[in-house]
Amino acid sequence: MKTSTSINKDNLLHCGTCLGKFTKSGKFRLHITALDHLSQYSKYKVWLKPSAEMSFLYGNNVLKSGLARITESTPQYAGVVVYNLADIPLGFGVAAQTTEACKELDPTANVVLHQADVGEFLRGLEDDMF
């Protein structure tokens, strides 16, 4: 940011981190580049078992069988940040069930609906992002 002050305003298009963009319908869609900021301030978190990490990084939803831990009193449809057991943020999504409802679910039920993950850069989706 400091180096951008030496560039003329007419020649500078943008600077900083792209957190997301607005869709044509006016809704704001977060990108995976917002993960660093989201993980610092997230209220609801989900930790995955090692067997479920790759499935999430390939763009699949999190099943109850892959869930290691979840923050207490997570409401349904709340935004959650997904971590591995080493507390490295992998992505974010939406809680499909409350914490209390997760205890009675069968192992094949969805717990977190996938929105974005760090594997998007590897899959070549950055063209869609910017």
N, C-alpha and C. Protein backbone atom coordinates (compact mmCIF):
# COMPACT_ATOMS: atom_id res chain seq x y z
N MET A 1 0.81 -1.19 0.00
CA MET A 1 0.00 0.00 0.00
C MET A 1 0.86 1.26 0.00
N LYS A 2 1.95 1.22 0.76
CA LYS A 2 2.80 2.40 0.83
C LYS A 2 3.45 2.70 -0.51
N THR A 3 3.81 1.66 -1.25
CA THR A 3 4.46 1.90 -2.55
C THR A 3 3.47 2.42 -3.58
N SER A 4 2.17 2.20 -3.37
CA SER A 4 1.19 2.69 -4.34
C SER A 4 1.01 4.20 -4.26
N THR A 5 1.46 4.84 -3.18
CA THR A 5 1.33 6.29 -3.08
C THR A 5 2.26 7.02 -4.04
N SER A 6 3.30 6.34 -4.50
CA SER A 6 4.24 6.99 -5.43
C SER A 6 3.76 6.92 -6.87
N ILE A 7 2.66 6.21 -7.13
CA ILE A 7 2.12 6.08 -8.49
C ILE A 7 1.01 7.10 -8.68
N ASN A 8 0.96 7.70 -9.84
CA ASN A 8 -0.06 8.67 -10.17
C ASN A 8 -1.45 8.02 -10.12
N LYS A 9 -2.43 8.74 -9.61
CA LYS A 9 -3.79 8.20 -9.48
C LYS A 9 -4.40 7.81 -10.82
N ASP A 10 -4.03 8.51 -11.87
CA ASP A 10 -4.55 8.19 -13.20
C ASP A 10 -4.01 6.86 -13.73
N ASN A 11 -2.81 6.47 -13.29
CA ASN A 11 -2.18 5.24 -13.76
C ASN A 11 -2.47 4.04 -12.85
N LEU A 12 -3.03 4.28 -11.67
CA LEU A 12 -3.29 3.21 -10.71
C LEU A 12 -4.72 2.72 -10.86
N LEU A 13 -4.87 1.44 -11.14
CA LEU A 13 -6.21 0.87 -11.30
C LEU A 13 -6.77 0.43 -9.95
N HIS A 14 -6.01 -0.35 -9.18
CA HIS A 14 -6.41 -0.77 -7.84
C HIS A 14 -5.20 -1.28 -7.08
N CYS A 15 -5.33 -1.34 -5.76
CA CYS A 15 -4.28 -1.90 -4.92
C CYS A 15 -4.93 -2.53 -3.70
N GLY A 16 -4.26 -3.50 -3.11
CA GLY A 16 -4.80 -4.17 -1.93
C GLY A 16 -5.21 -5.59 -2.24
N THR A 17 -6.02 -6.16 -1.35
CA THR A 17 -6.48 -7.54 -1.47
C THR A 17 -7.91 -7.56 -1.96
N CYS A 18 -8.18 -8.36 -2.96
CA CYS A 18 -9.54 -8.51 -3.48
C CYS A 18 -10.30 -9.45 -2.55
N LEU A 19 -11.30 -8.94 -1.86
CA LEU A 19 -12.09 -9.76 -0.95
C LEU A 19 -13.26 -10.44 -1.65
N GLY A 20 -13.70 -9.91 -2.75
CA GLY A 20 -14.82 -10.48 -3.48
C GLY A 20 -15.29 -9.52 -4.55
N LYS A 21 -16.45 -9.81 -5.10
CA LYS A 21 -17.00 -8.90 -6.10
C LYS A 21 -18.52 -8.98 -6.07
N PHE A 22 -19.15 -7.97 -6.66
CA PHE A 22 -20.59 -7.93 -6.72
C PHE A 22 -21.08 -8.67 -7.96
N THR A 23 -22.15 -9.43 -7.79
CA THR A 23 -22.74 -10.13 -8.92
C THR A 23 -23.64 -9.17 -9.69
N LYS A 24 -24.17 -9.62 -10.80
CA LYS A 24 -25.07 -8.78 -11.60
C LYS A 24 -26.36 -8.47 -10.86
N SER A 25 -26.75 -9.36 -9.94
CA SER A 25 -27.98 -9.12 -9.17
C SER A 25 -27.74 -8.24 -7.95
N GLY A 26 -26.49 -7.81 -7.72
CA GLY A 26 -26.18 -6.91 -6.63
C GLY A 26 -25.73 -7.58 -5.36
N LYS A 27 -25.59 -8.90 -5.36
CA LYS A 27 -25.12 -9.60 -4.17
C LYS A 27 -23.60 -9.63 -4.17
N PHE A 28 -23.01 -9.66 -2.97
CA PHE A 28 -21.56 -9.68 -2.84
C PHE A 28 -21.11 -11.12 -2.67
N ARG A 29 -20.18 -11.57 -3.49
CA ARG A 29 -19.67 -12.94 -3.45
C ARG A 29 -18.22 -12.90 -2.96
N LEU A 30 -17.94 -13.54 -1.82
CA LEU A 30 -16.60 -13.59 -1.28
C LEU A 30 -15.70 -14.50 -2.10
N HIS A 31 -14.45 -14.12 -2.24
CA HIS A 31 -13.46 -14.96 -2.89
C HIS A 31 -12.57 -15.59 -1.84
N ILE A 32 -11.81 -16.57 -2.25
CA ILE A 32 -10.91 -17.27 -1.34
C ILE A 32 -9.80 -16.34 -0.84
N THR A 33 -9.56 -15.25 -1.53
CA THR A 33 -8.54 -14.30 -1.09
C THR A 33 -8.94 -13.61 0.21
N ALA A 34 -10.20 -13.71 0.61
CA ALA A 34 -10.67 -13.13 1.87
C ALA A 34 -10.45 -14.06 3.05
N LEU A 35 -9.91 -15.26 2.81
CA LEU A 35 -9.78 -16.27 3.86
C LEU A 35 -8.90 -15.82 5.02
N ASP A 36 -7.80 -15.13 4.73
CA ASP A 36 -6.92 -14.67 5.80
C ASP A 36 -7.64 -13.72 6.76
N HIS A 37 -8.45 -12.84 6.20
CA HIS A 37 -9.20 -11.89 7.02
C HIS A 37 -10.35 -12.58 7.75
N LEU A 38 -11.02 -13.50 7.07
CA LEU A 38 -12.14 -14.22 7.70
C LEU A 38 -11.67 -15.10 8.85
N SER A 39 -10.54 -15.76 8.67
CA SER A 39 -10.07 -16.69 9.70
C SER A 39 -9.67 -15.97 10.99
N GLN A 40 -9.22 -14.74 10.89
CA GLN A 40 -8.85 -13.99 12.08
C GLN A 40 -10.06 -13.61 12.92
N TYR A 41 -11.18 -13.31 12.27
CA TYR A 41 -12.33 -12.76 12.97
C TYR A 41 -13.55 -13.69 12.97
N SER A 42 -13.38 -14.93 12.58
CA SER A 42 -14.54 -15.81 12.47
C SER A 42 -15.05 -16.22 13.84
N LYS A 43 -16.35 -16.25 13.96
CA LYS A 43 -17.00 -16.64 15.21
C LYS A 43 -17.27 -18.13 15.23
N TYR A 44 -17.57 -18.71 14.07
CA TYR A 44 -17.91 -20.12 13.97
C TYR A 44 -16.85 -20.83 13.13
N LYS A 45 -16.34 -21.94 13.66
CA LYS A 45 -15.26 -22.66 13.00
C LYS A 45 -15.59 -24.15 12.95
N VAL A 46 -15.02 -24.82 11.96
CA VAL A 46 -15.19 -26.26 11.78
C VAL A 46 -13.81 -26.84 11.51
N TRP A 47 -13.48 -27.96 12.17
CA TRP A 47 -12.21 -28.65 11.93
C TRP A 47 -12.50 -29.98 11.27
N LEU A 48 -11.69 -30.32 10.27
CA LEU A 48 -11.89 -31.55 9.50
C LEU A 48 -10.89 -32.62 9.90
N LYS A 49 -11.32 -33.87 9.75
CA LYS A 49 -10.41 -35.00 9.89
C LYS A 49 -9.49 -35.02 8.68
N PRO A 50 -8.31 -35.61 8.79
CA PRO A 50 -7.39 -35.67 7.64
C PRO A 50 -7.99 -36.38 6.43
N SER A 51 -8.87 -37.34 6.65
CA SER A 51 -9.47 -38.06 5.52
C SER A 51 -10.45 -37.19 4.73
N ALA A 52 -10.97 -36.13 5.34
CA ALA A 52 -11.96 -35.27 4.66
C ALA A 52 -11.34 -34.01 4.06
N GLU A 53 -10.08 -33.77 4.34
CA GLU A 53 -9.44 -32.54 3.85
C GLU A 53 -9.40 -32.49 2.33
N MET A 54 -8.94 -33.54 1.71
CA MET A 54 -8.81 -33.55 0.25
C MET A 54 -10.17 -33.45 -0.44
N SER A 55 -11.17 -34.08 0.14
CA SER A 55 -12.50 -33.99 -0.43
C SER A 55 -12.99 -32.55 -0.42
N PHE A 56 -12.77 -31.84 0.68
CA PHE A 56 -13.17 -30.43 0.75
C PHE A 56 -12.36 -29.58 -0.21
N LEU A 57 -11.06 -29.87 -0.33
CA LEU A 57 -10.21 -29.07 -1.23
C LEU A 57 -10.52 -29.32 -2.70
N TYR A 58 -11.21 -30.40 -3.02
CA TYR A 58 -11.65 -30.65 -4.39
C TYR A 58 -13.02 -30.05 -4.66
N GLY A 59 -13.59 -29.34 -3.67
CA GLY A 59 -14.84 -28.63 -3.90
C GLY A 59 -16.09 -29.33 -3.40
N ASN A 60 -15.95 -30.38 -2.60
CA ASN A 60 -17.12 -31.10 -2.09
C ASN A 60 -17.54 -30.56 -0.73
N ASN A 61 -18.80 -30.81 -0.38
CA ASN A 61 -19.32 -30.42 0.93
C ASN A 61 -18.69 -31.30 2.01
N VAL A 62 -18.77 -30.85 3.26
CA VAL A 62 -18.23 -31.60 4.38
C VAL A 62 -19.32 -32.50 4.94
N LEU A 63 -19.04 -33.79 5.04
CA LEU A 63 -19.98 -34.75 5.61
C LEU A 63 -19.71 -34.88 7.11
N LYS A 64 -20.69 -35.43 7.83
CA LYS A 64 -20.51 -35.61 9.27
C LYS A 64 -19.38 -36.58 9.56
N SER A 65 -19.15 -37.53 8.69
CA SER A 65 -18.06 -38.49 8.91
C SER A 65 -16.69 -37.82 8.84
N GLY A 66 -16.57 -36.67 8.19
CA GLY A 66 -15.30 -35.96 8.09
C GLY A 66 -15.13 -34.86 9.10
N LEU A 67 -16.13 -34.68 9.95
CA LEU A 67 -16.11 -33.60 10.93
C LEU A 67 -15.32 -34.02 12.17
N ALA A 68 -14.31 -33.24 12.55
CA ALA A 68 -13.55 -33.53 13.77
C ALA A 68 -14.11 -32.74 14.94
N ARG A 69 -14.29 -31.42 14.75
CA ARG A 69 -14.84 -30.55 15.79
C ARG A 69 -15.65 -29.46 15.13
N ILE A 70 -16.54 -28.87 15.92
CA ILE A 70 -17.32 -27.73 15.47
C ILE A 70 -17.51 -26.79 16.66
N THR A 71 -17.55 -25.50 16.41
CA THR A 71 -17.76 -24.53 17.47
C THR A 71 -19.14 -24.74 18.09
N GLU A 72 -19.20 -24.64 19.41
CA GLU A 72 -20.48 -24.81 20.10
C GLU A 72 -21.47 -23.72 19.69
N SER A 73 -22.72 -24.09 19.68
CA SER A 73 -23.86 -23.22 19.36
C SER A 73 -23.74 -22.54 17.99
N THR A 74 -23.26 -23.26 17.00
CA THR A 74 -23.24 -22.76 15.63
C THR A 74 -24.65 -22.84 15.06
N PRO A 75 -25.23 -21.72 14.64
CA PRO A 75 -26.58 -21.78 14.08
C PRO A 75 -26.58 -22.31 12.65
N GLN A 76 -27.75 -22.75 12.21
CA GLN A 76 -27.89 -23.23 10.83
C GLN A 76 -27.75 -22.05 9.88
N TYR A 77 -27.11 -22.28 8.74
CA TYR A 77 -26.86 -21.31 7.68
C TYR A 77 -25.91 -20.18 8.10
N ALA A 78 -25.13 -20.38 9.13
CA ALA A 78 -24.13 -19.39 9.52
C ALA A 78 -22.86 -19.63 8.71
N GLY A 79 -22.12 -18.58 8.45
CA GLY A 79 -20.85 -18.71 7.76
C GLY A 79 -19.80 -19.31 8.69
N VAL A 80 -19.07 -20.30 8.21
CA VAL A 80 -18.04 -20.95 9.01
C VAL A 80 -16.74 -20.98 8.22
N VAL A 81 -15.64 -20.95 8.96
CA VAL A 81 -14.32 -21.13 8.36
C VAL A 81 -13.90 -22.56 8.64
N VAL A 82 -13.40 -23.24 7.62
CA VAL A 82 -13.03 -24.65 7.73
C VAL A 82 -11.51 -24.74 7.92
N TYR A 83 -11.11 -25.48 8.97
CA TYR A 83 -9.71 -25.67 9.31
C TYR A 83 -9.37 -27.16 9.25
N ASN A 84 -8.07 -27.46 9.12
CA ASN A 84 -7.64 -28.83 9.36
C ASN A 84 -7.26 -28.94 10.83
N LEU A 85 -6.82 -30.11 11.27
CA LEU A 85 -6.52 -30.29 12.69
C LEU A 85 -5.28 -29.53 13.15
N ALA A 86 -4.47 -29.05 12.22
CA ALA A 86 -3.31 -28.23 12.54
C ALA A 86 -3.64 -26.74 12.58
N ASP A 87 -4.92 -26.41 12.57
CA ASP A 87 -5.43 -25.03 12.60
C ASP A 87 -4.98 -24.19 11.41
N ILE A 88 -4.87 -24.81 10.26
CA ILE A 88 -4.59 -24.09 9.03
C ILE A 88 -5.92 -23.89 8.31
N PRO A 89 -6.29 -22.65 7.97
CA PRO A 89 -7.58 -22.44 7.29
C PRO A 89 -7.55 -23.00 5.87
N LEU A 90 -8.57 -23.81 5.56
CA LEU A 90 -8.67 -24.44 4.25
C LEU A 90 -9.68 -23.76 3.34
N GLY A 91 -10.66 -23.09 3.92
CA GLY A 91 -11.69 -22.45 3.12
C GLY A 91 -12.83 -22.02 4.01
N PHE A 92 -13.96 -21.71 3.38
CA PHE A 92 -15.13 -21.32 4.14
C PHE A 92 -16.38 -21.84 3.46
N GLY A 93 -17.45 -21.85 4.24
CA GLY A 93 -18.72 -22.36 3.73
C GLY A 93 -19.86 -21.94 4.63
N VAL A 94 -20.99 -22.64 4.51
CA VAL A 94 -22.19 -22.34 5.27
C VAL A 94 -22.56 -23.58 6.07
N ALA A 95 -22.87 -23.40 7.34
CA ALA A 95 -23.28 -24.52 8.18
C ALA A 95 -24.64 -25.02 7.74
N ALA A 96 -24.73 -26.27 7.35
CA ALA A 96 -26.00 -26.85 6.91
C ALA A 96 -26.86 -27.28 8.09
N GLN A 97 -26.24 -27.52 9.23
CA GLN A 97 -26.95 -27.98 10.43
C GLN A 97 -26.42 -27.21 11.64
N THR A 98 -27.23 -27.16 12.70
CA THR A 98 -26.76 -26.59 13.95
C THR A 98 -25.82 -27.58 14.63
N THR A 99 -25.10 -27.10 15.64
CA THR A 99 -24.20 -27.98 16.38
C THR A 99 -24.97 -29.10 17.06
N GLU A 100 -26.11 -28.77 17.62
CA GLU A 100 -26.92 -29.77 18.31
C GLU A 100 -27.47 -30.81 17.34
N ALA A 101 -27.86 -30.38 16.15
CA ALA A 101 -28.40 -31.31 15.16
C ALA A 101 -27.32 -32.22 14.59
N CYS A 102 -26.07 -31.78 14.60
CA CYS A 102 -24.98 -32.59 14.06
C CYS A 102 -24.75 -33.85 14.88
N LYS A 103 -25.08 -33.81 16.14
CA LYS A 103 -24.84 -34.96 17.01
C LYS A 103 -25.74 -36.14 16.66
N GLU A 104 -26.94 -35.88 16.12
CA GLU A 104 -27.88 -36.95 15.80
C GLU A 104 -27.87 -37.34 14.32
N LEU A 105 -27.04 -36.70 13.50
CA LEU A 105 -27.04 -36.97 12.06
C LEU A 105 -26.39 -38.30 11.73
N ASP A 106 -26.78 -38.85 10.58
CA ASP A 106 -26.07 -40.03 10.08
C ASP A 106 -24.76 -39.58 9.44
N PRO A 107 -23.79 -40.48 9.29
CA PRO A 107 -22.45 -40.09 8.81
C PRO A 107 -22.40 -39.53 7.38
N THR A 108 -23.44 -39.75 6.58
CA THR A 108 -23.41 -39.27 5.19
C THR A 108 -24.14 -37.95 5.00
N ALA A 109 -24.59 -37.32 6.07
CA ALA A 109 -25.31 -36.05 5.96
C ALA A 109 -24.34 -34.88 5.84
N ASN A 110 -24.75 -33.85 5.12
CA ASN A 110 -23.92 -32.65 4.95
C ASN A 110 -23.94 -31.82 6.22
N VAL A 111 -22.76 -31.37 6.63
CA VAL A 111 -22.63 -30.50 7.79
C VAL A 111 -22.26 -29.08 7.36
N VAL A 112 -21.36 -28.97 6.37
CA VAL A 112 -20.94 -27.67 5.85
C VAL A 112 -21.09 -27.69 4.34
N LEU A 113 -21.74 -26.67 3.82
CA LEU A 113 -21.88 -26.51 2.37
C LEU A 113 -20.70 -25.69 1.86
N HIS A 114 -20.01 -26.23 0.90
CA HIS A 114 -18.77 -25.63 0.37
C HIS A 114 -19.07 -24.32 -0.35
N GLN A 115 -18.26 -23.31 -0.09
CA GLN A 115 -18.31 -22.07 -0.86
C GLN A 115 -16.99 -21.78 -1.55
N ALA A 116 -15.89 -21.87 -0.82
CA ALA A 116 -14.58 -21.60 -1.42
C ALA A 116 -13.51 -22.32 -0.62
N ASP A 117 -12.43 -22.69 -1.29
CA ASP A 117 -11.31 -23.36 -0.63
C ASP A 117 -10.01 -22.97 -1.28
N VAL A 118 -8.91 -23.27 -0.61
CA VAL A 118 -7.59 -22.88 -1.12
C VAL A 118 -7.21 -23.69 -2.35
N GLY A 119 -7.87 -24.76 -2.64
CA GLY A 119 -7.59 -25.56 -3.83
C GLY A 119 -8.07 -24.92 -5.11
N GLU A 120 -8.82 -23.83 -5.02
CA GLU A 120 -9.30 -23.15 -6.23
C GLU A 120 -8.15 -22.61 -7.06
N PHE A 121 -7.08 -22.19 -6.40
CA PHE A 121 -5.91 -21.70 -7.14
C PHE A 121 -5.27 -22.83 -7.93
N LEU A 122 -5.24 -24.02 -7.35
CA LEU A 122 -4.63 -25.15 -8.03
C LEU A 122 -5.49 -25.67 -9.16
N ARG A 123 -6.80 -25.53 -9.03
CA ARG A 123 -7.70 -26.02 -10.07
C ARG A 123 -7.83 -25.05 -11.23
N GLY A 124 -7.22 -23.87 -11.12
CA GLY A 124 -7.24 -22.93 -12.23
C GLY A 124 -8.51 -22.11 -12.31
N LEU A 125 -9.16 -21.87 -11.20
CA LEU A 125 -10.39 -21.09 -11.20
C LEU A 125 -10.14 -19.61 -10.99
N GLU A 126 -8.86 -19.22 -10.95
CA GLU A 126 -8.61 -17.80 -10.72
C GLU A 126 -9.06 -16.93 -11.88
N ASP A 127 -9.25 -17.51 -13.06
CA ASP A 127 -9.79 -16.74 -14.18
C ASP A 127 -11.23 -16.32 -13.89
N ASP A 128 -11.97 -17.17 -13.18
CA ASP A 128 -13.34 -16.85 -12.83
C ASP A 128 -13.40 -15.84 -11.67
N MET A 129 -12.32 -15.77 -10.91
CA MET A 129 -12.33 -14.92 -9.72
C MET A 129 -12.13 -13.46 -10.06
N PHE A 130 -11.31 -13.13 -11.04
CA PHE A 130 -10.98 -11.73 -11.28
C PHE A 130 -11.53 -11.26 -12.58
